[in-house]
Amino acid sequence: MENSKSRIAAKIREAREWKKITQVGMARQLDIARQTYLDLESGKTEPRVSTLVTIAEITGRPLSWFVSEGEGPVSHDEQEDIQQLLTIFAQVPRSMRTRLIEHNINFVSCWVDYVAAIKRQ
């Protein structure tokens, strides 16, 4: 799990730098303290799914890019799947989206660990 935490942290930093956003600027856009953001980018703390979704929106990177082990681009089919999910998710009222995210954090974490384990085999 530690490896995935540091990988996600590195991708958060890479995405921010790619968009030429400062750490302070990113913290402001996320509405969190600068130190809290630094902890995310250093891997000291793991981001909530809702925070990672917001970082993906700010940086224009697909959410899957942050959790995937590969560096390669997302396939066209995967992009369509992601876009379809985002379109459906955007139709859900914000308060419900927050609850859905909170209830599915463990599911997503298990899924990421499962995919990583399969790729190692």
PDB file of N, CA and C in Angstrom:
ATOM      1  N   MET A   1       0.824  -1.194   0.000  1.00  0.00           N
ATOM      2  CA  MET A   1       0.000   0.000   0.000  1.00  0.00           C
ATOM      3  C   MET A   1       0.868   1.258   0.000  1.00  0.00           C
ATOM      4  N   GLU A   2       2.005   1.194   0.719  1.00  0.00           N
ATOM      5  CA  GLU A   2       2.902   2.347   0.779  1.00  0.00           C
ATOM      6  C   GLU A   2       3.369   2.745  -0.611  1.00  0.00           C
ATOM      7  N   ASN A   3       3.654   1.744  -1.455  1.00  0.00           N
ATOM      8  CA  ASN A   3       4.114   2.029  -2.806  1.00  0.00           C
ATOM      9  C   ASN A   3       3.042   2.777  -3.597  1.00  0.00           C
ATOM     10  N   SER A   4       1.789   2.359  -3.471  1.00  0.00           N
ATOM     11  CA  SER A   4       0.725   3.045  -4.213  1.00  0.00           C
ATOM     12  C   SER A   4       0.522   4.460  -3.673  1.00  0.00           C
ATOM     13  N   LYS A   5       0.705   4.651  -2.364  1.00  0.00           N
ATOM     14  CA  LYS A   5       0.558   5.989  -1.785  1.00  0.00           C
ATOM     15  C   LYS A   5       1.622   6.935  -2.341  1.00  0.00           C
ATOM     16  N   SER A   6       2.859   6.471  -2.410  1.00  0.00           N
ATOM     17  CA  SER A   6       3.926   7.332  -2.933  1.00  0.00           C
ATOM     18  C   SER A   6       3.768   7.553  -4.438  1.00  0.00           C
ATOM     19  N   ARG A   7       3.233   6.549  -5.151  1.00  0.00           N
ATOM     20  CA  ARG A   7       3.007   6.693  -6.594  1.00  0.00           C
ATOM     21  C   ARG A   7       1.919   7.733  -6.860  1.00  0.00           C
ATOM     22  N   ILE A   8       0.839   7.673  -6.094  1.00  0.00           N
ATOM     23  CA  ILE A   8      -0.241   8.651  -6.251  1.00  0.00           C
ATOM     24  C   ILE A   8       0.275  10.048  -5.910  1.00  0.00           C
ATOM     25  N   ALA A   9       1.068  10.159  -4.851  1.00  0.00           N
ATOM     26  CA  ALA A   9       1.643  11.457  -4.468  1.00  0.00           C
ATOM     27  C   ALA A   9       2.499  12.026  -5.592  1.00  0.00           C
ATOM     28  N   ALA A  10       3.316  11.172  -6.202  1.00  0.00           N
ATOM     29  CA  ALA A  10       4.176  11.621  -7.308  1.00  0.00           C
ATOM     30  C   ALA A  10       3.340  12.084  -8.494  1.00  0.00           C
ATOM     31  N   LYS A  11       2.230  11.386  -8.747  1.00  0.00           N
ATOM     32  CA  LYS A  11       1.379  11.773  -9.869  1.00  0.00           C
ATOM     33  C   LYS A  11       0.635  13.076  -9.582  1.00  0.00           C
ATOM     34  N   ILE A  12       0.281  13.300  -8.322  1.00  0.00           N
ATOM     35  CA  ILE A  12      -0.348  14.568  -7.953  1.00  0.00           C
ATOM     36  C   ILE A  12       0.617  15.712  -8.246  1.00  0.00           C
ATOM     37  N   ARG A  13       1.869  15.537  -7.840  1.00  0.00           N
ATOM     38  CA  ARG A  13       2.882  16.572  -8.090  1.00  0.00           C
ATOM     39  C   ARG A  13       3.095  16.759  -9.595  1.00  0.00           C
ATOM     40  N   GLU A  14       3.221  15.657 -10.329  1.00  0.00           N
ATOM     41  CA  GLU A  14       3.452  15.735 -11.777  1.00  0.00           C
ATOM     42  C   GLU A  14       2.314  16.472 -12.480  1.00  0.00           C
ATOM     43  N   ALA A  15       1.076  16.158 -12.098  1.00  0.00           N
ATOM     44  CA  ALA A  15      -0.082  16.807 -12.724  1.00  0.00           C
ATOM     45  C   ALA A  15      -0.101  18.302 -12.419  1.00  0.00           C
ATOM     46  N   ARG A  16       0.217  18.661 -11.175  1.00  0.00           N
ATOM     47  CA  ARG A  16       0.252  20.077 -10.797  1.00  0.00           C
ATOM     48  C   ARG A  16       1.322  20.820 -11.587  1.00  0.00           C
ATOM     49  N   GLU A  17       2.507  20.232 -11.664  1.00  0.00           N
ATOM     50  CA  GLU A  17       3.598  20.874 -12.397  1.00  0.00           C
ATOM     51  C   GLU A  17       3.277  20.971 -13.885  1.00  0.00           C
ATOM     52  N   TRP A  18       2.617  19.950 -14.435  1.00  0.00           N
ATOM     53  CA  TRP A  18       2.243  19.937 -15.846  1.00  0.00           C
ATOM     54  C   TRP A  18       1.310  21.107 -16.167  1.00  0.00           C
ATOM     55  N   LYS A  19       0.417  21.413 -15.214  1.00  0.00           N
ATOM     56  CA  LYS A  19      -0.513  22.542 -15.390  1.00  0.00           C
ATOM     57  C   LYS A  19       0.102  23.874 -14.960  1.00  0.00           C
ATOM     58  N   LYS A  20       1.355  23.822 -14.499  1.00  0.00           N
ATOM     59  CA  LYS A  20       2.070  25.028 -14.062  1.00  0.00           C
ATOM     60  C   LYS A  20       1.324  25.757 -12.939  1.00  0.00           C
ATOM     61  N   ILE A  21       0.872  24.976 -11.970  1.00  0.00           N
ATOM     62  CA  ILE A  21       0.186  25.516 -10.797  1.00  0.00           C
ATOM     63  C   ILE A  21       1.144  25.382  -9.613  1.00  0.00           C
ATOM     64  N   THR A  22       1.246  26.418  -8.811  1.00  0.00           N
ATOM     65  CA  THR A  22       2.087  26.340  -7.618  1.00  0.00           C
ATOM     66  C   THR A  22       1.395  25.489  -6.557  1.00  0.00           C
ATOM     67  N   GLN A  23       2.161  25.065  -5.563  1.00  0.00           N
ATOM     68  CA  GLN A  23       1.569  24.315  -4.458  1.00  0.00           C
ATOM     69  C   GLN A  23       0.550  25.174  -3.715  1.00  0.00           C
ATOM     70  N   VAL A  24       0.872  26.431  -3.533  1.00  0.00           N
ATOM     71  CA  VAL A  24      -0.056  27.350  -2.865  1.00  0.00           C
ATOM     72  C   VAL A  24      -1.325  27.506  -3.701  1.00  0.00           C
ATOM     73  N   GLY A  25      -1.162  27.660  -5.011  1.00  0.00           N
ATOM     74  CA  GLY A  25      -2.312  27.792  -5.902  1.00  0.00           C
ATOM     75  C   GLY A  25      -3.201  26.563  -5.879  1.00  0.00           C
ATOM     76  N   MET A  26      -2.585  25.391  -5.861  1.00  0.00           N
ATOM     77  CA  MET A  26      -3.370  24.155  -5.812  1.00  0.00           C
ATOM     78  C   MET A  26      -4.107  24.046  -4.480  1.00  0.00           C
ATOM     79  N   ALA A  27      -3.434  24.372  -3.391  1.00  0.00           N
ATOM     80  CA  ALA A  27      -4.083  24.325  -2.076  1.00  0.00           C
ATOM     81  C   ALA A  27      -5.295  25.263  -2.048  1.00  0.00           C
ATOM     82  N   ARG A  28      -5.135  26.440  -2.627  1.00  0.00           N
ATOM     83  CA  ARG A  28      -6.257  27.393  -2.669  1.00  0.00           C
ATOM     84  C   ARG A  28      -7.418  26.839  -3.482  1.00  0.00           C
ATOM     85  N   GLN A  29      -7.112  26.264  -4.650  1.00  0.00           N
ATOM     86  CA  GLN A  29      -8.184  25.723  -5.493  1.00  0.00           C
ATOM     87  C   GLN A  29      -8.889  24.550  -4.818  1.00  0.00           C
ATOM     88  N   LEU A  30      -8.160  23.803  -4.002  1.00  0.00           N
ATOM     89  CA  LEU A  30      -8.754  22.681  -3.274  1.00  0.00           C
ATOM     90  C   LEU A  30      -9.419  23.132  -1.976  1.00  0.00           C
ATOM     91  N   ASP A  31      -9.201  24.396  -1.615  1.00  0.00           N
ATOM     92  CA  ASP A  31      -9.731  24.964  -0.375  1.00  0.00           C
ATOM     93  C   ASP A  31      -9.224  24.195   0.848  1.00  0.00           C
ATOM     94  N   ILE A  32      -7.907  23.925   0.839  1.00  0.00           N
ATOM     95  CA  ILE A  32      -7.262  23.264   1.972  1.00  0.00           C
ATOM     96  C   ILE A  32      -6.014  24.063   2.342  1.00  0.00           C
ATOM     97  N   ALA A  33      -5.495  23.808   3.526  1.00  0.00           N
ATOM     98  CA  ALA A  33      -4.274  24.483   3.966  1.00  0.00           C
ATOM     99  C   ALA A  33      -3.096  24.042   3.099  1.00  0.00           C
ATOM    100  N   ARG A  34      -2.132  24.928   2.941  1.00  0.00           N
ATOM    101  CA  ARG A  34      -0.940  24.620   2.139  1.00  0.00           C
ATOM    102  C   ARG A  34      -0.242  23.376   2.689  1.00  0.00           C
ATOM    103  N   GLN A  35      -0.098  23.288   4.011  1.00  0.00           N
ATOM    104  CA  GLN A  35       0.583  22.131   4.605  1.00  0.00           C
ATOM    105  C   GLN A  35      -0.178  20.836   4.322  1.00  0.00           C
ATOM    106  N   THR A  36      -1.492  20.898   4.344  1.00  0.00           N
ATOM    107  CA  THR A  36      -2.302  19.719   4.022  1.00  0.00           C
ATOM    108  C   THR A  36      -2.009  19.266   2.599  1.00  0.00           C
ATOM    109  N   TYR A  37      -1.922  20.232   1.678  1.00  0.00           N
ATOM    110  CA  TYR A  37      -1.598  19.877   0.296  1.00  0.00           C
ATOM    111  C   TYR A  37      -0.189  19.306   0.200  1.00  0.00           C
ATOM    112  N   LEU A  38       0.771  19.910   0.895  1.00  0.00           N
ATOM    113  CA  LEU A  38       2.147  19.399   0.874  1.00  0.00           C
ATOM    114  C   LEU A  38       2.200  17.960   1.381  1.00  0.00           C
ATOM    115  N   ASP A  39       1.386  17.650   2.392  1.00  0.00           N
ATOM    116  CA  ASP A  39       1.331  16.280   2.910  1.00  0.00           C
ATOM    117  C   ASP A  39       0.804  15.309   1.854  1.00  0.00           C
ATOM    118  N   LEU A  40      -0.143  15.751   1.024  1.00  0.00           N
ATOM    119  CA  LEU A  40      -0.655  14.908  -0.064  1.00  0.00           C
ATOM    120  C   LEU A  40       0.429  14.662  -1.102  1.00  0.00           C
ATOM    121  N   GLU A  41       1.121  15.725  -1.470  1.00  0.00           N
ATOM    122  CA  GLU A  41       2.114  15.645  -2.535  1.00  0.00           C
ATOM    123  C   GLU A  41       3.379  14.900  -2.102  1.00  0.00           C
ATOM    124  N   SER A  42       3.654  14.899  -0.816  1.00  0.00           N
ATOM    125  CA  SER A  42       4.836  14.190  -0.317  1.00  0.00           C
ATOM    126  C   SER A  42       4.531  12.728  -0.005  1.00  0.00           C
ATOM    127  N   GLY A  43       3.252  12.369   0.020  1.00  0.00           N
ATOM    128  CA  GLY A  43       2.870  11.001   0.342  1.00  0.00           C
ATOM    129  C   GLY A  43       2.705  10.769   1.831  1.00  0.00           C
ATOM    130  N   LYS A  44       2.806  11.825   2.623  1.00  0.00           N
ATOM    131  CA  LYS A  44       2.633  11.697   4.070  1.00  0.00           C
ATOM    132  C   LYS A  44       1.199  11.285   4.403  1.00  0.00           C
ATOM    133  N   THR A  45       0.245  11.853   3.665  1.00  0.00           N
ATOM    134  CA  THR A  45      -1.154  11.454   3.826  1.00  0.00           C
ATOM    135  C   THR A  45      -1.718  11.052   2.468  1.00  0.00           C
ATOM    136  N   GLU A  46      -2.705  10.190   2.504  1.00  0.00           N
ATOM    137  CA  GLU A  46      -3.351   9.712   1.282  1.00  0.00           C
ATOM    138  C   GLU A  46      -4.577  10.583   0.998  1.00  0.00           C
ATOM    139  N   PRO A  47      -4.783  10.977  -0.254  1.00  0.00           N
ATOM    140  CA  PRO A  47      -5.927  11.849  -0.543  1.00  0.00           C
ATOM    141  C   PRO A  47      -7.252  11.107  -0.451  1.00  0.00           C
ATOM    142  N   ARG A  48      -8.279  11.828  -0.040  1.00  0.00           N
ATOM    143  CA  ARG A  48      -9.636  11.280  -0.112  1.00  0.00           C
ATOM    144  C   ARG A  48      -9.996  11.175  -1.590  1.00  0.00           C
ATOM    145  N   VAL A  49     -10.911  10.309  -1.904  1.00  0.00           N
ATOM    146  CA  VAL A  49     -11.331  10.156  -3.295  1.00  0.00           C
ATOM    147  C   VAL A  49     -11.883  11.478  -3.818  1.00  0.00           C
ATOM    148  N   SER A  50     -12.664  12.173  -3.003  1.00  0.00           N
ATOM    149  CA  SER A  50     -13.240  13.447  -3.445  1.00  0.00           C
ATOM    150  C   SER A  50     -12.147  14.471  -3.754  1.00  0.00           C
ATOM    151  N   THR A  51     -11.071  14.475  -2.975  1.00  0.00           N
ATOM    152  CA  THR A  51      -9.952  15.387  -3.237  1.00  0.00           C
ATOM    153  C   THR A  51      -9.257  15.003  -4.528  1.00  0.00           C
ATOM    154  N   LEU A  52      -9.058  13.704  -4.734  1.00  0.00           N
ATOM    155  CA  LEU A  52      -8.398  13.241  -5.952  1.00  0.00           C
ATOM    156  C   LEU A  52      -9.240  13.563  -7.185  1.00  0.00           C
ATOM    157  N   VAL A  53     -10.554  13.446  -7.063  1.00  0.00           N
ATOM    158  CA  VAL A  53     -11.450  13.815  -8.169  1.00  0.00           C
ATOM    159  C   VAL A  53     -11.283  15.300  -8.497  1.00  0.00           C
ATOM    160  N   THR A  54     -11.218  16.137  -7.477  1.00  0.00           N
ATOM    161  CA  THR A  54     -11.052  17.576  -7.701  1.00  0.00           C
ATOM    162  C   THR A  54      -9.697  17.882  -8.327  1.00  0.00           C
ATOM    163  N   ILE A  55      -8.645  17.211  -7.859  1.00  0.00           N
ATOM    164  CA  ILE A  55      -7.315  17.405  -8.449  1.00  0.00           C
ATOM    165  C   ILE A  55      -7.343  17.007  -9.923  1.00  0.00           C
ATOM    166  N   ALA A  56      -8.016  15.910 -10.231  1.00  0.00           N
ATOM    167  CA  ALA A  56      -8.134  15.474 -11.626  1.00  0.00           C
ATOM    168  C   ALA A  56      -8.849  16.532 -12.462  1.00  0.00           C
ATOM    169  N   GLU A  57      -9.914  17.109 -11.922  1.00  0.00           N
ATOM    170  CA  GLU A  57     -10.644  18.154 -12.646  1.00  0.00           C
ATOM    171  C   GLU A  57      -9.770  19.389 -12.860  1.00  0.00           C
ATOM    172  N   ILE A  58      -9.052  19.803 -11.837  1.00  0.00           N
ATOM    173  CA  ILE A  58      -8.204  21.002 -11.925  1.00  0.00           C
ATOM    174  C   ILE A  58      -7.088  20.807 -12.943  1.00  0.00           C
ATOM    175  N   THR A  59      -6.481  19.628 -12.931  1.00  0.00           N
ATOM    176  CA  THR A  59      -5.313  19.383 -13.786  1.00  0.00           C
ATOM    177  C   THR A  59      -5.669  18.850 -15.163  1.00  0.00           C
ATOM    178  N   GLY A  60      -6.923  18.449 -15.348  1.00  0.00           N
ATOM    179  CA  GLY A  60      -7.325  17.917 -16.644  1.00  0.00           C
ATOM    180  C   GLY A  60      -6.834  16.504 -16.903  1.00  0.00           C
ATOM    181  N   ARG A  61      -6.382  15.835 -15.871  1.00  0.00           N
ATOM    182  CA  ARG A  61      -5.948  14.440 -16.001  1.00  0.00           C
ATOM    183  C   ARG A  61      -7.115  13.535 -15.638  1.00  0.00           C
ATOM    184  N   PRO A  62      -7.240  12.382 -16.319  1.00  0.00           N
ATOM    185  CA  PRO A  62      -8.306  11.454 -15.932  1.00  0.00           C
ATOM    186  C   PRO A  62      -8.017  10.867 -14.550  1.00  0.00           C
ATOM    187  N   LEU A  63      -9.055  10.632 -13.785  1.00  0.00           N
ATOM    188  CA  LEU A  63      -8.899  10.064 -12.447  1.00  0.00           C
ATOM    189  C   LEU A  63      -8.119   8.756 -12.493  1.00  0.00           C
ATOM    190  N   SER A  64      -8.357   7.960 -13.506  1.00  0.00           N
ATOM    191  CA  SER A  64      -7.678   6.664 -13.616  1.00  0.00           C
ATOM    192  C   SER A  64      -6.167   6.815 -13.713  1.00  0.00           C
ATOM    193  N   TRP A  65      -5.689   7.925 -14.249  1.00  0.00           N
ATOM    194  CA  TRP A  65      -4.254   8.149 -14.394  1.00  0.00           C
ATOM    195  C   TRP A  65      -3.562   8.189 -13.032  1.00  0.00           C
ATOM    196  N   PHE A  66      -4.246   8.741 -12.040  1.00  0.00           N
ATOM    197  CA  PHE A  66      -3.650   8.861 -10.712  1.00  0.00           C
ATOM    198  C   PHE A  66      -3.511   7.514 -10.012  1.00  0.00           C
ATOM    199  N   VAL A  67      -4.394   6.585 -10.291  1.00  0.00           N
ATOM    200  CA  VAL A  67      -4.367   5.302  -9.581  1.00  0.00           C
ATOM    201  C   VAL A  67      -3.778   4.165 -10.397  1.00  0.00           C
ATOM    202  N   SER A  68      -3.557   4.384 -11.688  1.00  0.00           N
ATOM    203  CA  SER A  68      -2.993   3.311 -12.513  1.00  0.00           C
ATOM    204  C   SER A  68      -1.493   3.229 -12.311  1.00  0.00           C
ATOM    205  N   GLU A  69      -0.956   2.025 -12.461  1.00  0.00           N
ATOM    206  CA  GLU A  69       0.483   1.831 -12.304  1.00  0.00           C
ATOM    207  C   GLU A  69       1.234   2.244 -13.548  1.00  0.00           C
ATOM    208  N   GLY A  70       0.598   2.118 -14.689  1.00  0.00           N
ATOM    209  CA  GLY A  70       1.276   2.422 -15.940  1.00  0.00           C
ATOM    210  C   GLY A  70       1.374   3.911 -16.192  1.00  0.00           C
ATOM    211  N   GLU A  71       2.311   4.265 -17.023  1.00  0.00           N
ATOM    212  CA  GLU A  71       2.492   5.662 -17.400  1.00  0.00           C
ATOM    213  C   GLU A  71       1.823   5.960 -18.740  1.00  0.00           C
ATOM    214  N   GLY A  72       1.405   4.913 -19.433  1.00  0.00           N
ATOM    215  CA  GLY A  72       0.874   5.083 -20.769  1.00  0.00           C
ATOM    216  C   GLY A  72      -0.471   5.779 -20.787  1.00  0.00           C
ATOM    217  N   PRO A  73      -0.873   6.257 -21.953  1.00  0.00           N
ATOM    218  CA  PRO A  73      -2.152   6.953 -22.063  1.00  0.00           C
ATOM    219  C   PRO A  73      -3.329   5.995 -21.906  1.00  0.00           C
ATOM    220  N   VAL A  74      -4.452   6.545 -21.532  1.00  0.00           N
ATOM    221  CA  VAL A  74      -5.682   5.778 -21.406  1.00  0.00           C
ATOM    222  C   VAL A  74      -6.215   5.515 -22.807  1.00  0.00           C
ATOM    223  N   SER A  75      -6.672   4.283 -23.051  1.00  0.00           N
ATOM    224  CA  SER A  75      -7.177   3.940 -24.378  1.00  0.00           C
ATOM    225  C   SER A  75      -8.463   4.712 -24.680  1.00  0.00           C
ATOM    226  N   HIS A  76      -8.819   4.739 -25.956  1.00  0.00           N
ATOM    227  CA  HIS A  76     -10.033   5.437 -26.380  1.00  0.00           C
ATOM    228  C   HIS A  76     -11.259   4.838 -25.692  1.00  0.00           C
ATOM    229  N   ASP A  77     -11.336   3.505 -25.631  1.00  0.00           N
ATOM    230  CA  ASP A  77     -12.473   2.849 -24.973  1.00  0.00           C
ATOM    231  C   ASP A  77     -12.543   3.227 -23.494  1.00  0.00           C
ATOM    232  N   GLU A  78     -11.382   3.268 -22.833  1.00  0.00           N
ATOM    233  CA  GLU A  78     -11.357   3.650 -21.422  1.00  0.00           C
ATOM    234  C   GLU A  78     -11.792   5.098 -21.244  1.00  0.00           C
ATOM    235  N   GLN A  79     -11.366   5.961 -22.146  1.00  0.00           N
ATOM    236  CA  GLN A  79     -11.768   7.366 -22.072  1.00  0.00           C
ATOM    237  C   GLN A  79     -13.281   7.499 -22.208  1.00  0.00           C
ATOM    238  N   GLU A  80     -13.871   6.723 -23.117  1.00  0.00           N
ATOM    239  CA  GLU A  80     -15.329   6.762 -23.290  1.00  0.00           C
ATOM    240  C   GLU A  80     -16.035   6.269 -22.034  1.00  0.00           C
ATOM    241  N   ASP A  81     -15.508   5.188 -21.432  1.00  0.00           N
ATOM    242  CA  ASP A  81     -16.093   4.665 -20.195  1.00  0.00           C
ATOM    243  C   ASP A  81     -16.024   5.701 -19.079  1.00  0.00           C
ATOM    244  N   ILE A  82     -14.867   6.323 -18.945  1.00  0.00           N
ATOM    245  CA  ILE A  82     -14.676   7.343 -17.910  1.00  0.00           C
ATOM    246  C   ILE A  82     -15.619   8.517 -18.139  1.00  0.00           C
ATOM    247  N   GLN A  83     -15.722   8.951 -19.383  1.00  0.00           N
ATOM    248  CA  GLN A  83     -16.601  10.078 -19.691  1.00  0.00           C
ATOM    249  C   GLN A  83     -18.053   9.736 -19.394  1.00  0.00           C
ATOM    250  N   GLN A  84     -18.461   8.512 -19.705  1.00  0.00           N
ATOM    251  CA  GLN A  84     -19.833   8.098 -19.424  1.00  0.00           C
ATOM    252  C   GLN A  84     -20.095   8.113 -17.913  1.00  0.00           C
ATOM    253  N   LEU A  85     -19.152   7.594 -17.132  1.00  0.00           N
ATOM    254  CA  LEU A  85     -19.304   7.608 -15.677  1.00  0.00           C
ATOM    255  C   LEU A  85     -19.362   9.032 -15.133  1.00  0.00           C
ATOM    256  N   LEU A  86     -18.500   9.898 -15.640  1.00  0.00           N
ATOM    257  CA  LEU A  86     -18.494  11.287 -15.182  1.00  0.00           C
ATOM    258  C   LEU A  86     -19.792  12.003 -15.539  1.00  0.00           C
ATOM    259  N   THR A  87     -20.331  11.716 -16.713  1.00  0.00           N
ATOM    260  CA  THR A  87     -21.590  12.327 -17.135  1.00  0.00           C
ATOM    261  C   THR A  87     -22.726  11.910 -16.204  1.00  0.00           C
ATOM    262  N   ILE A  88     -22.780  10.628 -15.898  1.00  0.00           N
ATOM    263  CA  ILE A  88     -23.818  10.126 -14.988  1.00  0.00           C
ATOM    264  C   ILE A  88     -23.623  10.712 -13.594  1.00  0.00           C
ATOM    265  N   PHE A  89     -22.380  10.700 -13.119  1.00  0.00           N
ATOM    266  CA  PHE A  89     -22.061  11.200 -11.784  1.00  0.00           C
ATOM    267  C   PHE A  89     -22.416  12.680 -11.645  1.00  0.00           C
ATOM    268  N   ALA A  90     -22.203  13.454 -12.689  1.00  0.00           N
ATOM    269  CA  ALA A  90     -22.496  14.890 -12.656  1.00  0.00           C
ATOM    270  C   ALA A  90     -23.992  15.158 -12.519  1.00  0.00           C
ATOM    271  N   GLN A  91     -24.831  14.205 -12.887  1.00  0.00           N
ATOM    272  CA  GLN A  91     -26.279  14.371 -12.799  1.00  0.00           C
ATOM    273  C   GLN A  91     -26.802  14.142 -11.382  1.00  0.00           C
ATOM    274  N   VAL A  92     -25.972  13.540 -10.540  1.00  0.00           N
ATOM    275  CA  VAL A  92     -26.362  13.271  -9.155  1.00  0.00           C
ATOM    276  C   VAL A  92     -26.189  14.564  -8.345  1.00  0.00           C
ATOM    277  N   PRO A  93     -27.159  14.909  -7.497  1.00  0.00           N
ATOM    278  CA  PRO A  93     -27.017  16.123  -6.680  1.00  0.00           C
ATOM    279  C   PRO A  93     -25.728  16.095  -5.853  1.00  0.00           C
ATOM    280  N   ARG A  94     -25.114  17.254  -5.675  1.00  0.00           N
ATOM    281  CA  ARG A  94     -23.811  17.354  -5.011  1.00  0.00           C
ATOM    282  C   ARG A  94     -23.798  16.665  -3.640  1.00  0.00           C
ATOM    283  N   SER A  95     -24.831  16.875  -2.832  1.00  0.00           N
ATOM    284  CA  SER A  95     -24.849  16.260  -1.497  1.00  0.00           C
ATOM    285  C   SER A  95     -24.832  14.738  -1.597  1.00  0.00           C
ATOM    286  N   MET A  96     -25.520  14.202  -2.582  1.00  0.00           N
ATOM    287  CA  MET A  96     -25.538  12.750  -2.769  1.00  0.00           C
ATOM    288  C   MET A  96     -24.191  12.268  -3.305  1.00  0.00           C
ATOM    289  N   ARG A  97     -23.556  13.051  -4.187  1.00  0.00           N
ATOM    290  CA  ARG A  97     -22.232  12.675  -4.707  1.00  0.00           C
ATOM    291  C   ARG A  97     -21.244  12.525  -3.558  1.00  0.00           C
ATOM    292  N   THR A  98     -21.292  13.477  -2.629  1.00  0.00           N
ATOM    293  CA  THR A  98     -20.386  13.422  -1.481  1.00  0.00           C
ATOM    294  C   THR A  98     -20.620  12.151  -0.682  1.00  0.00           C
ATOM    295  N   ARG A  99     -21.869  11.816  -0.449  1.00  0.00           N
ATOM    296  CA  ARG A  99     -22.185  10.591   0.299  1.00  0.00           C
ATOM    297  C   ARG A  99     -21.759   9.352  -0.471  1.00  0.00           C
ATOM    298  N   LEU A 100     -21.992   9.341  -1.781  1.00  0.00           N
ATOM    299  CA  LEU A 100     -21.566   8.199  -2.590  1.00  0.00           C
ATOM    300  C   LEU A 100     -20.055   8.011  -2.525  1.00  0.00           C
ATOM    301  N   ILE A 101     -19.334   9.101  -2.609  1.00  0.00           N
ATOM    302  CA  ILE A 101     -17.869   9.026  -2.539  1.00  0.00           C
ATOM    303  C   ILE A 101     -17.437   8.483  -1.186  1.00  0.00           C
ATOM    304  N   GLU A 102     -17.995   9.022  -0.119  1.00  0.00           N
ATOM    305  CA  GLU A 102     -17.621   8.580   1.224  1.00  0.00           C
ATOM    306  C   GLU A 102     -17.905   7.096   1.426  1.00  0.00           C
ATOM    307  N   HIS A 103     -19.020   6.617   0.900  1.00  0.00           N
ATOM    308  CA  HIS A 103     -19.386   5.212   1.075  1.00  0.00           C
ATOM    309  C   HIS A 103     -18.554   4.272   0.211  1.00  0.00           C
ATOM    310  N   ASN A 104     -17.939   4.799  -0.823  1.00  0.00           N
ATOM    311  CA  ASN A 104     -17.208   3.930  -1.747  1.00  0.00           C
ATOM    312  C   ASN A 104     -15.692   4.040  -1.650  1.00  0.00           C
ATOM    313  N   ILE A 105     -15.186   4.784  -0.689  1.00  0.00           N
ATOM    314  CA  ILE A 105     -13.736   4.912  -0.548  1.00  0.00           C
ATOM    315  C   ILE A 105     -13.093   3.550  -0.326  1.00  0.00           C
ATOM    316  N   ASN A 106     -13.643   2.751   0.563  1.00  0.00           N
ATOM    317  CA  ASN A 106     -13.070   1.427   0.821  1.00  0.00           C
ATOM    318  C   ASN A 106     -13.158   0.540  -0.407  1.00  0.00           C
ATOM    319  N   PHE A 107     -14.265   0.617  -1.121  1.00  0.00           N
ATOM    320  CA  PHE A 107     -14.412  -0.180  -2.335  1.00  0.00           C
ATOM    321  C   PHE A 107     -13.335   0.177  -3.348  1.00  0.00           C
ATOM    322  N   VAL A 108     -13.119   1.463  -3.561  1.00  0.00           N
ATOM    323  CA  VAL A 108     -12.120   1.912  -4.531  1.00  0.00           C
ATOM    324  C   VAL A 108     -10.724   1.483  -4.095  1.00  0.00           C
ATOM    325  N   SER A 109     -10.423   1.617  -2.805  1.00  0.00           N
ATOM    326  CA  SER A 109      -9.110   1.204  -2.303  1.00  0.00           C
ATOM    327  C   SER A 109      -8.886  -0.287  -2.533  1.00  0.00           C
ATOM    328  N   CYS A 110      -9.895  -1.091  -2.248  1.00  0.00           N
ATOM    329  CA  CYS A 110      -9.781  -2.538  -2.483  1.00  0.00           C
ATOM    330  C   CYS A 110      -9.594  -2.836  -3.962  1.00  0.00           C
ATOM    331  N   TRP A 111     -10.315  -2.135  -4.804  1.00  0.00           N
ATOM    332  CA  TRP A 111     -10.209  -2.344  -6.248  1.00  0.00           C
ATOM    333  C   TRP A 111      -8.812  -2.017  -6.740  1.00  0.00           C
ATOM    334  N   VAL A 112      -8.252  -0.899  -6.292  1.00  0.00           N
ATOM    335  CA  VAL A 112      -6.901  -0.501  -6.702  1.00  0.00           C
ATOM    336  C   VAL A 112      -5.890  -1.547  -6.249  1.00  0.00           C
ATOM    337  N   ASP A 113      -6.023  -2.012  -5.006  1.00  0.00           N
ATOM    338  CA  ASP A 113      -5.113  -3.047  -4.503  1.00  0.00           C
ATOM    339  C   ASP A 113      -5.250  -4.336  -5.308  1.00  0.00           C
ATOM    340  N   TYR A 114      -6.488  -4.703  -5.654  1.00  0.00           N
ATOM    341  CA  TYR A 114      -6.736  -5.914  -6.432  1.00  0.00           C
ATOM    342  C   TYR A 114      -6.086  -5.826  -7.811  1.00  0.00           C
ATOM    343  N   VAL A 115      -6.284  -4.711  -8.489  1.00  0.00           N
ATOM    344  CA  VAL A 115      -5.696  -4.523  -9.819  1.00  0.00           C
ATOM    345  C   VAL A 115      -4.173  -4.562  -9.740  1.00  0.00           C
ATOM    346  N   ALA A 116      -3.615  -3.926  -8.727  1.00  0.00           N
ATOM    347  CA  ALA A 116      -2.156  -3.923  -8.557  1.00  0.00           C
ATOM    348  C   ALA A 116      -1.641  -5.341  -8.326  1.00  0.00           C
ATOM    349  N   ALA A 117      -2.367  -6.133  -7.541  1.00  0.00           N
ATOM    350  CA  ALA A 117      -1.949  -7.513  -7.268  1.00  0.00           C
ATOM    351  C   ALA A 117      -1.989  -8.358  -8.536  1.00  0.00           C
ATOM    352  N   ILE A 118      -3.003  -8.160  -9.355  1.00  0.00           N
ATOM    353  CA  ILE A 118      -3.108  -8.908 -10.611  1.00  0.00           C
ATOM    354  C   ILE A 118      -1.961  -8.537 -11.544  1.00  0.00           C
ATOM    355  N   LYS A 119      -1.629  -7.264 -11.612  1.00  0.00           N
ATOM    356  CA  LYS A 119      -0.546  -6.820 -12.499  1.00  0.00           C
ATOM    357  C   LYS A 119       0.806  -7.361 -12.055  1.00  0.00           C
ATOM    358  N   ARG A 120       0.975  -7.605 -10.754  1.00  0.00           N
ATOM    359  CA  ARG A 120       2.247  -8.140 -10.251  1.00  0.00           C
ATOM    360  C   ARG A 120       2.411  -9.617 -10.570  1.00  0.00           C
ATOM    361  N   GLN A 121       1.325 -10.325 -10.841  1.00  0.00           N
ATOM    362  CA  GLN A 121       1.397 -11.775 -11.094  1.00  0.00           C
ATOM    363  C   GLN A 121       1.990 -12.075 -12.436  1.00  0.00           C
TER     364      GLN A 121
END
